[in-house]
Amino acid sequence: MSRRAELIAIGSELLGWSRHDTNGSYLARRLGERGIPVCFRTIVGDDPADLRAAFAVALGRAEVIIATGGLGPTVDDLTREAVAGLLDLPLDDDAALLRGIEERFRRHGLTMPPSNRRQAQVPRGAEVLPNSVGTAPGLVLRQGARLVVLLPGVPGEMERMVEEGVLPRLEAADEVLATRVLKIAGLTESETDRRLAEVHAGAGDVEWTILASPGQIEIHLRERVRAGAGPLGIDRLDRAIEAILGEHLFGRDDETIESTIGRLARAAGATAAVAESVTGGGVAARLTSTPGASRWFRGGAVAYSDDAKVALAGVDPGILARDGPVSEPVAAGMALGIRARLGATWGLAATGYAGPEGGGPDRPPGTVVLGLAGPGVTTTRALRLPGPRAIVQQRAVMAALDLLRRGLLGRSA
């Protein structure tokens, strides 16, 4: 019998509009790579009866059940109790586990609250998965041919347990799911689809999905292959897509545009600095999110007001008075100024109107102007970005990063 998996995301907050089950996406990918298809994904709130019902259904239709969340110390963390009750397993205190949790608190100069004792309770017969970065241990239970895994909902804790404790317990199938994500900047979803229509038509057995986020398009490719064999179909499509999209394709899988910029900057021995207005520090935040950014990122300034553009980015007050703060001359001046002040190879700037107000009929909300200054290059890019304020800012950050990336590639126009 082939193994099928069900993922259960636990937490009443996941039933609302503000939180998403990102753990499920990660688990589906990693299980697929082991040849275990995820056939069901369930979200259930913090209610004991609902939790028992969700696990009962999962045990009736899947061979691998992985749940995330509800293993903390608070009153709404009910996963271990619900599963133990459903399977008629008593909860035993694990003395070694309790000592480990107490020691973790001591290392941080804290006294363990009494409520954390619950995290040392283990359903009888369950295996404990150590948590090296948190207090909630994972639990593994076997019910005949079925495997039930309970994991904390914190992504960093969950992912480490999966890599160190769960995947080694899952034998790879003869056929596994190979995946690849291609990441694209500078094109809309519809334009990407148009350019790749012929490639898509010849995808064959490779599944293909296009997803859009502010300023970025992703193509998700999936192919079933024999274990140990290469994804020949994905490789073929990857080559064809790169040949058509060229520099618009900036990364694959876990690569981000900021990690790509870092790689290009290190290879060129280049440095960068930013002057931001409309993006409010968002560009610098993205650039510094990558390990090793201090080797090539010099720093930046949030020059939000006109005075700050002069004082921090060195913009000529006369240019500001003549052209206005959201203009190509000012964007160029910000890029040139921050480059000179921080001694960087490249200066990047972003100014604009995120909304809901704009700068008049010719500069409505969503008007953004980017500037880039580098060795022998000063260029600007004027954009009209759709969406509410937060989306405009996200799109502007991505467009600015892409402009810097193209500059490092030698294609800044």
Protein backbone atom coordinates (compact mmCIF):
# COMPACT_ATOMS: atom_id res chain seq x y z
CA MET A 1 0.00 0.00 0.00
CA SER A 2 1.41 3.39 -0.96
CA ARG A 3 1.77 5.86 1.85
CA ARG A 4 -0.31 9.00 1.89
CA ALA A 5 0.08 11.89 4.26
CA GLU A 6 -2.25 14.29 6.01
CA LEU A 7 -1.06 17.53 7.57
CA ILE A 8 -2.94 19.06 10.50
CA ALA A 9 -2.26 22.69 11.37
CA ILE A 10 -3.50 23.45 14.87
CA GLY A 11 -4.43 26.89 16.21
CA SER A 12 -7.57 28.98 16.24
CA GLU A 13 -5.58 31.91 14.85
CA LEU A 14 -5.07 29.96 11.61
CA LEU A 15 -8.82 29.98 11.00
CA GLY A 16 -8.83 33.77 10.75
CA TRP A 17 -7.63 36.03 7.98
CA SER A 18 -4.33 37.27 9.41
CA ARG A 19 -2.29 34.04 9.75
CA HIS A 20 -1.40 31.37 7.21
CA ASP A 21 -0.21 27.80 7.49
CA THR A 22 3.29 28.16 6.06
CA ASN A 23 4.41 25.02 7.88
CA GLY A 24 2.16 22.95 5.65
CA SER A 25 3.85 24.20 2.49
CA TYR A 26 7.27 23.26 3.81
CA LEU A 27 6.09 19.81 4.95
CA ALA A 28 4.35 19.09 1.65
CA ARG A 29 7.55 19.81 -0.25
CA ARG A 30 9.79 17.73 1.99
CA LEU A 31 7.38 14.78 2.07
CA GLY A 32 6.95 14.94 -1.69
CA GLU A 33 10.70 14.68 -2.05
CA ARG A 34 10.46 11.37 -0.14
CA GLY A 35 7.71 10.13 -2.44
CA ILE A 36 4.95 10.62 0.14
CA PRO A 37 2.11 12.65 -1.38
CA VAL A 38 0.14 14.99 0.85
CA CYS A 39 -3.49 14.23 0.07
CA PHE A 40 -5.17 16.27 2.80
CA ARG A 41 -4.35 19.45 4.72
CA THR A 42 -6.57 20.24 7.68
CA ILE A 43 -6.71 23.37 9.86
CA VAL A 44 -8.38 22.97 13.24
CA GLY A 45 -8.86 25.32 16.14
CA ASP A 46 -7.94 24.90 19.80
CA ASP A 47 -10.98 22.88 20.81
CA PRO A 48 -10.49 19.40 22.36
CA ALA A 49 -13.46 17.81 20.60
CA ASP A 50 -12.52 19.27 17.23
CA LEU A 51 -8.91 18.14 17.67
CA ARG A 52 -9.94 14.57 18.45
CA ALA A 53 -12.28 14.55 15.46
CA ALA A 54 -9.58 15.85 13.11
CA PHE A 55 -7.10 13.18 14.20
CA ALA A 56 -9.74 10.44 14.03
CA VAL A 57 -10.52 11.36 10.42
CA ALA A 58 -6.82 11.54 9.52
CA LEU A 59 -6.12 8.11 11.01
CA GLY A 60 -8.86 6.69 8.81
CA ARG A 61 -7.48 7.98 5.51
CA ALA A 62 -3.71 8.54 5.76
CA GLU A 63 -0.67 6.50 6.74
CA VAL A 64 1.48 9.48 7.81
CA ILE A 65 -0.11 12.19 9.94
CA ILE A 66 1.98 15.22 10.89
CA ALA A 67 0.47 17.89 13.13
CA THR A 68 2.01 21.26 13.94
CA GLY A 69 1.06 23.46 16.88
CA GLY A 70 -0.59 23.11 20.26
CA LEU A 71 2.41 21.72 22.17
CA GLY A 72 3.18 24.84 24.20
CA PRO A 73 2.61 25.43 27.94
CA THR A 74 -0.55 27.56 27.79
CA VAL A 75 -4.18 26.59 28.36
CA ASP A 76 -4.97 26.59 24.63
CA ASP A 77 -2.16 24.10 23.83
CA LEU A 78 -4.15 20.88 23.78
CA THR A 79 -2.64 18.67 21.10
CA ARG A 80 -0.90 16.08 23.28
CA GLU A 81 -3.96 15.71 25.52
CA ALA A 82 -6.34 15.35 22.57
CA VAL A 83 -4.23 12.70 20.83
CA ALA A 84 -3.57 10.79 24.05
CA GLY A 85 -7.29 10.80 24.83
CA LEU A 86 -8.25 9.67 21.33
CA LEU A 87 -5.75 6.79 21.41
CA ASP A 88 -6.53 5.93 25.06
CA LEU A 89 -2.93 6.49 26.13
CA PRO A 90 -2.09 7.84 29.59
CA LEU A 91 0.23 10.84 29.85
CA ASP A 92 3.41 10.05 31.78
CA ASP A 93 5.80 12.59 33.26
CA ASP A 94 9.22 12.33 31.64
CA ALA A 95 11.77 13.30 34.32
CA ALA A 96 14.67 13.68 31.90
CA LEU A 97 12.59 15.86 29.60
CA LEU A 98 11.53 18.05 32.54
CA ARG A 99 15.14 18.51 33.65
CA GLY A 100 16.07 19.59 30.12
CA ILE A 101 13.31 22.20 30.03
CA GLU A 102 14.30 23.52 33.47
CA GLU A 103 17.93 23.72 32.41
CA ARG A 104 16.98 25.69 29.30
CA PHE A 105 15.27 28.30 31.48
CA ARG A 106 18.28 28.42 33.84
CA ARG A 107 20.67 29.06 30.96
CA HIS A 108 18.64 32.17 30.17
CA GLY A 109 18.60 33.29 33.81
CA LEU A 110 14.91 32.46 34.24
CA THR A 111 12.81 30.31 36.55
CA MET A 112 10.60 27.84 34.72
CA PRO A 113 6.89 28.63 35.16
CA PRO A 114 4.85 25.72 36.55
CA SER A 115 2.80 25.59 33.33
CA ASN A 116 5.85 24.37 31.38
CA ARG A 117 5.71 21.07 33.27
CA ARG A 118 2.97 20.08 30.82
CA GLN A 119 5.56 19.97 28.06
CA ALA A 120 7.29 17.08 29.85
CA GLN A 121 4.17 14.90 29.66
CA VAL A 122 4.44 12.16 27.06
CA PRO A 123 1.73 9.79 25.78
CA ARG A 124 2.74 6.29 26.87
CA GLY A 125 4.77 4.58 24.17
CA ALA A 126 5.58 7.76 22.25
CA GLU A 127 9.11 8.64 21.13
CA VAL A 128 10.36 12.10 22.07
CA LEU A 129 11.93 14.34 19.43
CA PRO A 130 14.36 16.72 21.16
CA ASN A 131 13.87 20.43 20.57
CA SER A 132 17.29 22.10 20.45
CA VAL A 133 15.91 25.62 19.97
CA GLY A 134 12.74 25.66 22.09
CA THR A 135 10.96 24.04 25.04
CA ALA A 136 8.25 22.05 23.24
CA PRO A 137 9.46 18.54 22.34
CA GLY A 138 8.08 16.70 19.37
CA LEU A 139 6.34 13.35 19.72
CA VAL A 140 6.19 10.29 17.47
CA LEU A 141 3.50 7.65 17.91
CA ARG A 142 2.97 4.48 15.90
CA GLN A 143 -0.50 3.05 15.48
CA GLY A 144 -0.04 -0.17 13.55
CA ALA A 145 1.14 0.86 10.08
CA ARG A 146 0.35 4.49 10.76
CA LEU A 147 2.82 7.12 11.92
CA VAL A 148 1.58 10.11 13.94
CA VAL A 149 4.02 12.98 14.45
CA LEU A 150 3.28 15.95 16.71
CA LEU A 151 5.50 19.00 16.20
CA PRO A 152 5.62 22.56 17.59
CA GLY A 153 4.17 25.24 15.38
CA VAL A 154 7.17 27.61 15.50
CA PRO A 155 8.65 27.21 11.99
CA GLY A 156 12.32 27.21 13.03
CA GLU A 157 11.71 24.58 15.70
CA MET A 158 9.46 22.48 13.48
CA GLU A 159 11.81 22.48 10.50
CA ARG A 160 14.83 21.40 12.52
CA MET A 161 12.87 18.51 14.04
CA VAL A 162 11.69 17.42 10.61
CA GLU A 163 15.20 17.42 9.17
CA GLU A 164 16.82 15.74 12.19
CA GLY A 165 14.10 13.46 13.51
CA VAL A 166 11.21 12.93 11.12
CA LEU A 167 12.67 12.50 7.64
CA PRO A 168 15.19 9.87 8.80
CA ARG A 169 12.21 7.79 9.97
CA LEU A 170 10.56 7.92 6.54
CA GLU A 171 11.95 5.57 3.94
CA ALA A 172 11.96 7.10 0.47
CA ALA A 173 9.59 5.55 -2.02
CA ASP A 174 10.62 4.14 -5.40
CA GLU A 175 9.10 7.23 -7.00
CA VAL A 176 9.63 10.70 -5.54
CA LEU A 177 8.46 14.20 -6.33
CA ALA A 178 11.11 16.54 -7.72
CA THR A 179 10.34 20.25 -7.49
CA ARG A 180 11.89 23.51 -8.58
CA VAL A 181 10.84 27.14 -8.19
CA LEU A 182 12.01 29.68 -10.77
CA LYS A 183 11.90 33.31 -9.60
CA ILE A 184 11.31 36.20 -11.98
CA ALA A 185 11.45 39.99 -11.64
CA GLY A 186 10.55 42.82 -13.98
CA LEU A 187 7.59 41.11 -15.67
CA THR A 188 3.89 40.85 -14.87
CA GLU A 189 2.18 37.50 -14.43
CA SER A 190 0.32 37.83 -17.73
CA GLU A 191 3.45 38.86 -19.64
CA THR A 192 5.38 35.94 -18.15
CA ASP A 193 2.60 33.59 -19.18
CA ARG A 194 2.52 35.03 -22.70
CA ARG A 195 6.25 34.68 -23.22
CA LEU A 196 6.29 31.12 -21.95
CA ALA A 197 3.10 29.87 -23.60
CA GLU A 198 4.93 27.60 -26.04
CA VAL A 199 7.18 26.18 -23.33
CA HIS A 200 4.14 25.52 -21.15
CA ALA A 201 2.37 23.74 -23.98
CA GLY A 202 5.31 21.34 -24.22
CA ALA A 203 5.62 20.69 -20.48
CA GLY A 204 4.54 17.07 -20.84
CA ASP A 205 4.40 15.27 -17.51
CA VAL A 206 5.85 18.22 -15.60
CA GLU A 207 3.21 20.04 -13.55
CA TRP A 208 3.41 23.82 -13.87
CA THR A 209 2.01 26.62 -11.72
CA ILE A 210 2.57 30.38 -11.97
CA LEU A 211 2.21 32.39 -8.75
CA ALA A 212 2.40 36.16 -8.35
CA SER A 213 3.42 38.28 -5.38
CA PRO A 214 4.19 42.03 -5.30
CA GLY A 215 7.06 42.56 -7.73
CA GLN A 216 7.88 38.89 -8.21
CA ILE A 217 6.60 35.96 -10.28
CA GLU A 218 7.30 32.33 -9.44
CA ILE A 219 7.02 29.29 -11.68
CA HIS A 220 6.62 26.07 -9.67
CA LEU A 221 7.59 22.89 -11.51
CA ARG A 222 6.84 19.37 -10.21
CA GLU A 223 7.82 16.04 -11.71
CA ARG A 224 7.56 12.45 -10.48
CA VAL A 225 10.84 10.60 -11.03
CA ARG A 226 12.42 7.36 -9.98
CA ALA A 227 14.31 7.67 -6.69
CA GLY A 228 17.89 8.66 -7.43
CA ALA A 229 17.13 9.78 -10.98
CA GLY A 230 17.44 13.37 -12.14
CA PRO A 231 14.41 15.53 -13.01
CA LEU A 232 15.02 15.50 -16.76
CA GLY A 233 11.72 17.20 -17.58
CA ILE A 234 12.28 20.00 -15.08
CA ASP A 235 15.83 20.50 -16.31
CA ARG A 236 14.56 20.76 -19.91
CA LEU A 237 11.94 23.34 -19.00
CA ASP A 238 14.39 25.28 -16.84
CA ARG A 239 16.77 25.68 -19.78
CA ALA A 240 13.96 26.74 -22.10
CA ILE A 241 12.58 29.29 -19.62
CA GLU A 242 16.01 30.79 -18.99
CA ALA A 243 16.64 31.09 -22.72
CA ILE A 244 13.44 33.10 -23.15
CA LEU A 245 13.41 35.22 -19.98
CA GLY A 246 17.15 35.85 -19.69
CA GLU A 247 18.02 38.34 -16.94
CA HIS A 248 14.40 38.44 -15.71
CA LEU A 249 15.11 35.04 -14.11
CA PHE A 250 17.04 35.86 -10.96
CA GLY A 251 16.93 32.76 -8.77
CA ARG A 252 15.76 29.26 -8.04
CA ASP A 253 14.25 27.52 -5.01
CA ASP A 254 15.54 29.12 -1.79
CA GLU A 255 17.42 31.91 -3.56
CA THR A 256 16.05 35.41 -3.00
CA ILE A 257 16.74 38.55 -4.94
CA GLU A 258 18.76 39.88 -1.99
CA SER A 259 20.87 36.72 -1.80
CA THR A 260 21.46 37.00 -5.54
CA ILE A 261 22.56 40.64 -5.09
CA GLY A 262 24.94 39.58 -2.33
CA ARG A 263 26.46 36.87 -4.51
CA LEU A 264 26.94 39.30 -7.42
CA ALA A 265 28.40 42.00 -5.16
CA ARG A 266 30.90 39.62 -3.57
CA ALA A 267 31.94 38.25 -6.97
CA ALA A 268 32.55 41.80 -8.27
CA GLY A 269 34.17 43.09 -5.09
CA ALA A 270 31.45 45.77 -5.05
CA THR A 271 29.64 47.54 -2.22
CA ALA A 272 26.23 49.19 -2.03
CA ALA A 273 24.42 51.93 -0.08
CA VAL A 274 20.78 53.00 -0.16
CA ALA A 275 18.80 56.21 0.31
CA GLU A 276 15.11 55.53 0.84
CA SER A 277 12.03 57.65 1.08
CA VAL A 278 8.90 55.83 -0.10
CA THR A 279 10.19 52.41 1.01
CA GLY A 280 10.95 53.58 4.55
CA GLY A 281 13.97 51.32 5.10
CA GLY A 282 12.45 48.28 3.42
CA VAL A 283 15.26 47.96 0.88
CA ALA A 284 17.95 48.01 3.57
CA ALA A 285 15.98 45.50 5.65
CA ARG A 286 15.88 43.06 2.75
CA LEU A 287 19.56 43.49 1.93
CA THR A 288 20.67 42.99 5.53
CA SER A 289 18.50 39.89 5.97
CA THR A 290 21.13 37.81 4.18
CA PRO A 291 24.09 36.36 6.11
CA GLY A 292 27.36 38.08 5.29
CA ALA A 293 25.71 41.31 4.10
CA SER A 294 28.21 43.34 6.15
CA ARG A 295 30.92 42.38 3.66
CA TRP A 296 29.32 44.38 0.86
CA PHE A 297 26.46 46.54 2.23
CA ARG A 298 27.80 49.86 3.53
CA GLY A 299 24.57 51.24 5.03
CA GLY A 300 21.75 53.58 4.19
CA ALA A 301 19.49 56.45 5.15
CA VAL A 302 15.73 56.84 5.41
CA ALA A 303 15.53 60.31 3.89
CA TYR A 304 11.79 60.76 4.19
CA SER A 305 11.43 64.53 4.38
CA ASP A 306 12.86 67.07 1.96
CA ASP A 307 15.27 68.27 4.65
CA ALA A 308 16.47 64.70 5.20
CA LYS A 309 17.06 64.24 1.48
CA VAL A 310 19.41 67.21 1.64
CA ALA A 311 21.06 66.43 4.98
CA LEU A 312 21.38 62.65 4.67
CA ALA A 313 21.51 61.98 0.94
CA GLY A 314 23.16 65.16 -0.26
CA VAL A 315 20.44 66.23 -2.69
CA ASP A 316 20.83 69.76 -4.08
CA PRO A 317 18.11 71.96 -2.50
CA GLY A 318 17.71 73.76 -5.82
CA ILE A 319 16.85 70.49 -7.60
CA LEU A 320 14.31 69.68 -4.90
CA ALA A 321 12.67 73.10 -5.26
CA ARG A 322 12.63 72.92 -9.04
CA ASP A 323 11.61 69.29 -9.68
CA GLY A 324 9.91 68.19 -6.47
CA PRO A 325 10.81 65.30 -4.17
CA VAL A 326 9.35 62.61 -6.44
CA SER A 327 11.26 63.17 -9.65
CA GLU A 328 14.04 61.61 -11.66
CA PRO A 329 16.58 64.37 -10.85
CA VAL A 330 15.97 63.90 -7.12
CA ALA A 331 16.15 60.09 -7.35
CA ALA A 332 19.44 60.41 -9.22
CA GLY A 333 20.70 62.94 -6.67
CA MET A 334 19.82 60.64 -3.78
CA ALA A 335 21.66 57.72 -5.40
CA LEU A 336 24.72 59.81 -6.20
CA GLY A 337 24.73 61.43 -2.77
CA ILE A 338 24.47 58.26 -0.69
CA ARG A 339 27.09 56.59 -2.87
CA ALA A 340 29.53 59.42 -2.25
CA ARG A 341 28.79 59.82 1.46
CA LEU A 342 29.23 56.13 2.27
CA GLY A 343 31.98 55.45 -0.25
CA ALA A 344 30.05 52.67 -1.98
CA THR A 345 30.45 51.24 -5.46
CA TRP A 346 26.70 51.54 -6.02
CA GLY A 347 24.15 53.98 -4.67
CA LEU A 348 20.46 53.03 -4.83
CA ALA A 349 17.54 55.37 -4.15
CA ALA A 350 13.75 55.19 -3.97
CA THR A 351 11.31 58.09 -3.71
CA GLY A 352 7.59 58.26 -4.38
CA TYR A 353 4.00 58.52 -3.21
CA ALA A 354 2.78 55.27 -1.62
CA GLY A 355 -0.73 56.63 -1.10
CA PRO A 356 -3.45 57.27 -0.34
CA GLU A 357 -2.37 60.80 -1.27
CA GLY A 358 -0.27 61.69 -4.29
CA GLY A 359 1.56 64.68 -5.65
CA GLY A 360 -1.06 66.03 -8.00
CA PRO A 361 -2.67 64.94 -11.27
CA ASP A 362 0.65 64.07 -12.90
CA ARG A 363 1.98 62.21 -9.86
CA PRO A 364 -0.87 60.09 -8.47
CA PRO A 365 -0.55 57.58 -5.61
CA GLY A 366 1.72 54.75 -6.69
CA THR A 367 4.17 57.04 -8.48
CA VAL A 368 7.65 55.80 -7.61
CA VAL A 369 11.01 56.90 -8.99
CA LEU A 370 14.16 54.84 -8.49
CA GLY A 371 17.74 55.96 -8.91
CA LEU A 372 20.95 54.00 -9.35
CA ALA A 373 24.48 55.37 -9.45
CA GLY A 374 27.58 53.30 -10.06
CA PRO A 375 30.86 53.23 -11.96
CA GLY A 376 30.17 55.32 -15.04
CA VAL A 377 26.41 54.83 -14.64
CA THR A 378 23.61 57.03 -13.37
CA THR A 379 20.13 55.90 -14.27
CA THR A 380 16.56 56.38 -13.07
CA ARG A 381 13.35 54.47 -13.46
CA ALA A 382 9.87 55.98 -13.10
CA LEU A 383 7.05 53.59 -12.18
CA ARG A 384 3.29 53.64 -11.61
CA LEU A 385 2.64 50.86 -9.11
CA PRO A 386 -0.90 49.62 -8.41
CA GLY A 387 -2.39 48.69 -5.07
CA PRO A 388 -2.89 50.15 -1.59
CA ARG A 389 -0.05 51.75 0.36
CA ALA A 390 1.54 48.57 1.75
CA ILE A 391 1.47 46.83 -1.64
CA VAL A 392 2.96 49.86 -3.39
CA GLN A 393 5.80 49.85 -0.87
CA GLN A 394 6.41 46.13 -1.34
CA ARG A 395 6.46 46.53 -5.12
CA ALA A 396 8.81 49.51 -4.83
CA VAL A 397 11.23 47.55 -2.65
CA MET A 398 11.29 44.70 -5.13
CA ALA A 399 11.74 47.03 -8.11
CA ALA A 400 14.62 48.81 -6.38
CA LEU A 401 16.35 45.53 -5.56
CA ASP A 402 15.92 44.41 -9.15
CA LEU A 403 17.45 47.65 -10.43
CA LEU A 404 20.50 47.10 -8.23
CA ARG A 405 20.75 43.49 -9.37
CA ARG A 406 20.72 44.56 -13.02
CA GLY A 407 23.36 47.19 -12.29
CA LEU A 408 25.61 44.51 -10.82
CA LEU A 409 24.99 42.43 -13.93
CA GLY A 410 26.04 45.39 -16.06
CA ARG A 411 22.54 45.99 -17.38
CA SER A 412 21.24 48.93 -15.39
CA ALA A 413 19.19 50.59 -18.11
